[in-house]
N, C-alpha and C. Protein backbone atom coordinates (compact mmCIF):
# COMPACT_ATOMS: atom_id res chain seq x y z
N MET A 1 98.05 110.84 95.68
CA MET A 1 98.46 112.10 95.04
C MET A 1 99.99 112.21 95.07
N MET A 2 100.56 112.48 93.94
CA MET A 2 102.01 112.62 93.82
C MET A 2 102.42 114.01 94.29
N LYS A 3 103.57 114.06 94.98
CA LYS A 3 104.08 115.38 95.37
C LYS A 3 105.57 115.33 95.66
N ILE A 4 106.19 116.45 95.42
CA ILE A 4 107.58 116.70 95.78
C ILE A 4 107.61 118.14 96.26
N GLU A 5 108.30 118.37 97.37
CA GLU A 5 108.33 119.71 97.95
C GLU A 5 109.76 120.16 98.18
N LEU A 6 109.92 121.47 98.17
CA LEU A 6 111.17 122.11 98.56
C LEU A 6 110.94 122.81 99.88
N THR A 7 111.96 122.83 100.72
CA THR A 7 111.89 123.70 101.90
C THR A 7 112.11 125.12 101.42
N GLU A 8 111.86 126.06 102.29
CA GLU A 8 112.08 127.46 101.94
C GLU A 8 113.55 127.71 101.61
N ASN A 9 114.46 127.09 102.37
CA ASN A 9 115.90 127.23 102.09
C ASN A 9 116.24 126.71 100.70
N ALA A 10 115.69 125.55 100.33
CA ALA A 10 115.98 124.98 99.01
C ALA A 10 115.40 125.88 97.91
N ALA A 11 114.19 126.36 98.10
CA ALA A 11 113.57 127.24 97.09
C ALA A 11 114.39 128.52 96.91
N ASN A 12 114.85 129.09 98.02
CA ASN A 12 115.68 130.30 97.93
C ASN A 12 116.97 130.02 97.17
N ARG A 13 117.58 128.87 97.42
CA ARG A 13 118.83 128.51 96.73
C ARG A 13 118.59 128.33 95.23
N VAL A 14 117.50 127.65 94.87
CA VAL A 14 117.18 127.45 93.45
C VAL A 14 116.95 128.80 92.78
N ASN A 15 116.20 129.68 93.42
CA ASN A 15 115.97 131.02 92.85
C ASN A 15 117.29 131.76 92.64
N THR A 16 118.18 131.69 93.60
CA THR A 16 119.50 132.34 93.48
C THR A 16 120.27 131.75 92.31
N MET A 17 120.28 130.42 92.21
CA MET A 17 121.01 129.75 91.12
C MET A 17 120.44 130.14 89.75
N LEU A 18 119.12 130.18 89.65
CA LEU A 18 118.49 130.53 88.37
C LEU A 18 118.78 131.98 88.00
N GLN A 19 118.77 132.87 88.99
CA GLN A 19 119.08 134.27 88.72
C GLN A 19 120.53 134.43 88.27
N GLN A 20 121.45 133.73 88.93
CA GLN A 20 122.86 133.81 88.54
C GLN A 20 123.07 133.25 87.14
N ARG A 21 122.34 132.21 86.82
CA ARG A 21 122.45 131.58 85.51
C ARG A 21 121.82 132.45 84.43
N GLY A 22 120.76 133.16 84.78
CA GLY A 22 120.09 134.05 83.83
C GLY A 22 119.01 133.39 83.01
N SER A 23 118.74 132.11 83.24
CA SER A 23 117.67 131.43 82.51
C SER A 23 117.31 130.15 83.25
N GLY A 24 116.19 129.56 82.84
CA GLY A 24 115.76 128.30 83.42
C GLY A 24 114.33 128.40 83.92
N LEU A 25 113.61 127.29 83.83
CA LEU A 25 112.22 127.25 84.25
C LEU A 25 112.07 126.79 85.70
N GLY A 26 113.09 126.13 86.23
CA GLY A 26 113.01 125.62 87.58
C GLY A 26 114.08 124.58 87.83
N LEU A 27 113.82 123.71 88.78
CA LEU A 27 114.75 122.66 89.18
C LEU A 27 114.28 121.33 88.62
N ARG A 28 115.18 120.61 87.94
CA ARG A 28 114.86 119.28 87.43
C ARG A 28 115.47 118.25 88.37
N LEU A 29 114.60 117.39 88.91
CA LEU A 29 115.04 116.30 89.77
C LEU A 29 114.76 114.98 89.09
N GLY A 30 115.59 113.99 89.37
CA GLY A 30 115.37 112.67 88.81
C GLY A 30 116.20 111.64 89.55
N THR A 31 116.14 110.42 89.05
CA THR A 31 116.95 109.34 89.57
C THR A 31 117.58 108.62 88.39
N ARG A 32 118.68 107.94 88.67
CA ARG A 32 119.28 107.07 87.66
C ARG A 32 119.89 105.88 88.38
N GLN A 33 119.98 104.78 87.66
CA GLN A 33 120.59 103.60 88.25
C GLN A 33 122.09 103.83 88.31
N ALA A 34 122.63 103.76 89.52
CA ALA A 34 124.06 104.00 89.72
C ALA A 34 124.40 103.75 91.17
N GLY A 35 125.66 103.81 91.47
CA GLY A 35 126.11 103.70 92.84
C GLY A 35 126.04 102.27 93.36
N CYS A 36 126.43 102.11 94.61
CA CYS A 36 126.50 100.77 95.19
C CYS A 36 125.16 100.30 95.74
N SER A 37 124.16 101.18 95.86
CA SER A 37 122.87 100.77 96.39
C SER A 37 121.77 100.69 95.33
N GLY A 38 122.02 101.16 94.13
CA GLY A 38 121.03 101.00 93.08
C GLY A 38 120.64 102.28 92.36
N PHE A 39 120.32 103.35 93.09
CA PHE A 39 119.88 104.60 92.48
C PHE A 39 120.63 105.77 93.08
N GLU A 40 120.74 106.84 92.29
CA GLU A 40 121.23 108.09 92.82
C GLU A 40 120.36 109.22 92.29
N TYR A 41 120.37 110.33 93.00
CA TYR A 41 119.58 111.49 92.61
C TYR A 41 120.30 112.27 91.51
N THR A 42 119.52 112.86 90.63
CA THR A 42 120.06 113.80 89.66
C THR A 42 119.41 115.16 89.91
N VAL A 43 120.21 116.20 89.83
CA VAL A 43 119.74 117.57 90.06
C VAL A 43 120.30 118.42 88.94
N ASP A 44 119.43 119.18 88.29
CA ASP A 44 119.87 120.01 87.17
C ASP A 44 118.91 121.17 87.01
N TYR A 45 119.26 122.08 86.12
CA TYR A 45 118.33 123.14 85.73
C TYR A 45 117.31 122.56 84.77
N ALA A 46 116.11 123.08 84.81
CA ALA A 46 115.09 122.69 83.84
C ALA A 46 114.95 123.83 82.83
N ASP A 47 115.31 123.54 81.59
CA ASP A 47 115.20 124.53 80.52
C ASP A 47 113.98 124.29 79.65
N GLU A 48 113.33 123.14 79.85
CA GLU A 48 112.12 122.81 79.10
C GLU A 48 111.28 121.86 79.93
N ILE A 49 110.01 121.80 79.59
CA ILE A 49 109.11 120.83 80.20
C ILE A 49 108.70 119.88 79.09
N ARG A 50 109.00 118.61 79.31
CA ARG A 50 108.74 117.58 78.30
C ARG A 50 107.40 116.90 78.56
N ASP A 51 106.91 116.17 77.57
CA ASP A 51 105.64 115.46 77.71
C ASP A 51 105.65 114.47 78.86
N GLU A 52 106.80 113.87 79.15
CA GLU A 52 106.89 112.85 80.19
C GLU A 52 107.18 113.44 81.59
N ASP A 53 107.09 114.75 81.74
CA ASP A 53 107.40 115.40 83.00
C ASP A 53 106.16 115.68 83.85
N GLU A 54 106.37 115.61 85.15
CA GLU A 54 105.40 116.10 86.13
C GLU A 54 105.96 117.41 86.66
N VAL A 55 105.10 118.40 86.87
CA VAL A 55 105.55 119.71 87.34
C VAL A 55 104.87 120.01 88.68
N PHE A 56 105.67 120.38 89.65
CA PHE A 56 105.19 120.74 90.98
C PHE A 56 105.65 122.17 91.26
N GLU A 57 104.96 122.85 92.16
CA GLU A 57 105.41 124.17 92.57
C GLU A 57 105.53 124.18 94.08
N SER A 58 106.65 124.70 94.56
CA SER A 58 106.90 124.75 95.99
C SER A 58 107.60 126.05 96.31
N HIS A 59 107.01 126.86 97.17
CA HIS A 59 107.56 128.17 97.55
C HIS A 59 107.88 129.00 96.31
N GLY A 60 107.01 128.92 95.31
CA GLY A 60 107.18 129.73 94.11
C GLY A 60 108.18 129.20 93.11
N VAL A 61 108.73 128.00 93.32
CA VAL A 61 109.72 127.42 92.42
C VAL A 61 109.13 126.18 91.76
N ARG A 62 109.31 126.07 90.45
CA ARG A 62 108.87 124.87 89.75
C ARG A 62 109.88 123.74 89.93
N VAL A 63 109.35 122.56 90.24
CA VAL A 63 110.16 121.35 90.35
C VAL A 63 109.65 120.41 89.26
N ILE A 64 110.53 120.04 88.35
CA ILE A 64 110.17 119.21 87.19
C ILE A 64 110.80 117.83 87.37
N VAL A 65 109.97 116.78 87.27
CA VAL A 65 110.42 115.41 87.48
C VAL A 65 109.87 114.54 86.36
N ASP A 66 110.73 113.71 85.75
CA ASP A 66 110.24 112.80 84.72
C ASP A 66 109.40 111.70 85.39
N ARG A 67 108.37 111.26 84.69
CA ARG A 67 107.44 110.27 85.26
C ARG A 67 108.13 108.97 85.68
N GLY A 68 109.22 108.60 85.02
CA GLY A 68 109.94 107.39 85.37
C GLY A 68 110.59 107.47 86.75
N SER A 69 110.91 108.67 87.20
CA SER A 69 111.53 108.86 88.52
C SER A 69 110.50 109.04 89.64
N MET A 70 109.25 109.34 89.27
CA MET A 70 108.24 109.65 90.29
C MET A 70 108.03 108.54 91.32
N PRO A 71 108.01 107.25 90.95
CA PRO A 71 107.80 106.24 91.98
C PRO A 71 108.90 106.26 93.06
N TYR A 72 110.09 106.71 92.70
CA TYR A 72 111.22 106.75 93.62
C TYR A 72 111.29 108.05 94.41
N LEU A 73 110.66 109.12 93.87
CA LEU A 73 110.77 110.43 94.49
C LEU A 73 109.48 110.92 95.15
N ASN A 74 108.36 110.27 94.88
CA ASN A 74 107.08 110.74 95.40
C ASN A 74 107.14 110.89 96.93
N GLY A 75 106.71 112.04 97.41
CA GLY A 75 106.70 112.31 98.84
C GLY A 75 107.99 112.92 99.37
N THR A 76 108.96 113.12 98.50
CA THR A 76 110.26 113.64 98.92
C THR A 76 110.20 115.13 99.22
N THR A 77 110.91 115.52 100.26
CA THR A 77 111.14 116.93 100.56
C THR A 77 112.63 117.19 100.35
N VAL A 78 112.94 118.24 99.60
CA VAL A 78 114.33 118.60 99.31
C VAL A 78 114.68 119.85 100.12
N ASP A 79 115.75 119.75 100.88
CA ASP A 79 116.23 120.87 101.68
C ASP A 79 117.58 121.31 101.13
N TYR A 80 117.99 122.51 101.49
CA TYR A 80 119.34 122.98 101.15
C TYR A 80 120.03 123.26 102.47
N VAL A 81 121.11 122.55 102.72
CA VAL A 81 121.78 122.66 104.01
C VAL A 81 123.23 123.09 103.83
N ARG A 82 123.70 123.79 104.84
CA ARG A 82 125.10 124.24 104.88
C ARG A 82 125.72 123.62 106.12
N MET A 83 126.57 122.60 105.93
CA MET A 83 127.19 121.93 107.07
C MET A 83 128.29 122.80 107.68
N ASN A 84 129.11 123.38 106.80
CA ASN A 84 130.20 124.25 107.22
C ASN A 84 130.60 125.08 106.00
N ALA A 85 131.66 125.83 106.11
CA ALA A 85 132.06 126.73 105.02
C ALA A 85 132.41 125.99 103.73
N LEU A 86 132.78 124.71 103.84
CA LEU A 86 133.20 123.96 102.66
C LEU A 86 132.17 122.96 102.16
N HIS A 87 131.14 122.69 102.94
CA HIS A 87 130.18 121.67 102.54
C HIS A 87 128.75 122.19 102.63
N GLU A 88 128.10 122.27 101.48
CA GLU A 88 126.70 122.66 101.41
C GLU A 88 126.08 121.96 100.22
N GLY A 89 124.77 121.77 100.27
CA GLY A 89 124.12 121.14 99.14
C GLY A 89 122.70 120.72 99.44
N PHE A 90 122.07 120.12 98.45
CA PHE A 90 120.70 119.65 98.58
C PHE A 90 120.69 118.36 99.38
N GLU A 91 119.71 118.23 100.24
CA GLU A 91 119.54 117.04 101.07
C GLU A 91 118.13 116.52 100.81
N PHE A 92 118.02 115.23 100.53
CA PHE A 92 116.75 114.62 100.17
C PHE A 92 116.18 113.86 101.36
N HIS A 93 114.95 114.17 101.73
CA HIS A 93 114.21 113.45 102.76
C HIS A 93 113.15 112.64 102.01
N ASN A 94 113.53 111.40 101.69
CA ASN A 94 112.73 110.56 100.79
C ASN A 94 112.13 109.39 101.58
N PRO A 95 110.80 109.35 101.71
CA PRO A 95 110.16 108.28 102.47
C PRO A 95 110.23 106.92 101.78
N ASN A 96 110.63 106.87 100.53
CA ASN A 96 110.69 105.62 99.76
C ASN A 96 112.00 104.86 99.96
N VAL A 97 113.00 105.51 100.53
CA VAL A 97 114.32 104.90 100.67
C VAL A 97 114.28 103.81 101.74
N LYS A 98 114.73 102.63 101.35
CA LYS A 98 114.81 101.50 102.28
C LYS A 98 116.21 101.35 102.87
N ASN A 99 117.22 101.76 102.09
CA ASN A 99 118.60 101.61 102.52
C ASN A 99 119.46 102.59 101.73
N MET A 100 120.54 103.06 102.35
CA MET A 100 121.49 103.93 101.66
C MET A 100 122.87 103.30 101.75
N CYS A 101 123.70 103.62 100.80
CA CYS A 101 125.08 103.12 100.85
C CYS A 101 125.83 103.86 101.95
N GLY A 102 126.98 103.37 102.30
CA GLY A 102 127.78 103.97 103.36
C GLY A 102 128.21 105.40 103.08
N CYS A 103 128.43 105.72 101.81
CA CYS A 103 128.88 107.07 101.48
C CYS A 103 127.71 108.05 101.36
N GLY A 104 126.47 107.52 101.34
CA GLY A 104 125.30 108.39 101.27
C GLY A 104 124.98 108.89 99.88
N GLU A 105 125.66 108.39 98.87
CA GLU A 105 125.45 108.87 97.51
C GLU A 105 124.38 108.10 96.74
N SER A 106 124.07 106.88 97.16
CA SER A 106 123.06 106.12 96.44
C SER A 106 122.10 105.45 97.43
N PHE A 107 120.95 104.98 96.91
CA PHE A 107 119.92 104.45 97.78
C PHE A 107 119.18 103.30 97.11
N THR A 108 118.46 102.56 97.94
CA THR A 108 117.61 101.45 97.49
C THR A 108 116.18 101.78 97.87
N VAL A 109 115.24 101.43 96.97
CA VAL A 109 113.81 101.63 97.30
C VAL A 109 113.11 100.28 97.36
């Protein structure tokens, strides 16, 4: 069974972002080939649901993922963390990752 989950912190952040933006169906997650390790995460607003998308719901927030990214993201939990006043963002806990680059921006599966 395919799944992607948000923590409560991540869901709250997505809801805040969507409210500030004034539109959107949820959070769009994906992967693309890039970086020094092979893949990087993509995070965006979802304004539509396409035929090739999988839709998950977590803490009342829709998470939309294209089927091509699912093998790399299946089982992932997305958190929203605040390291300090200047650094905050989404953090991916992905069981498929075999290795990450030194900067933490890209990964290998």
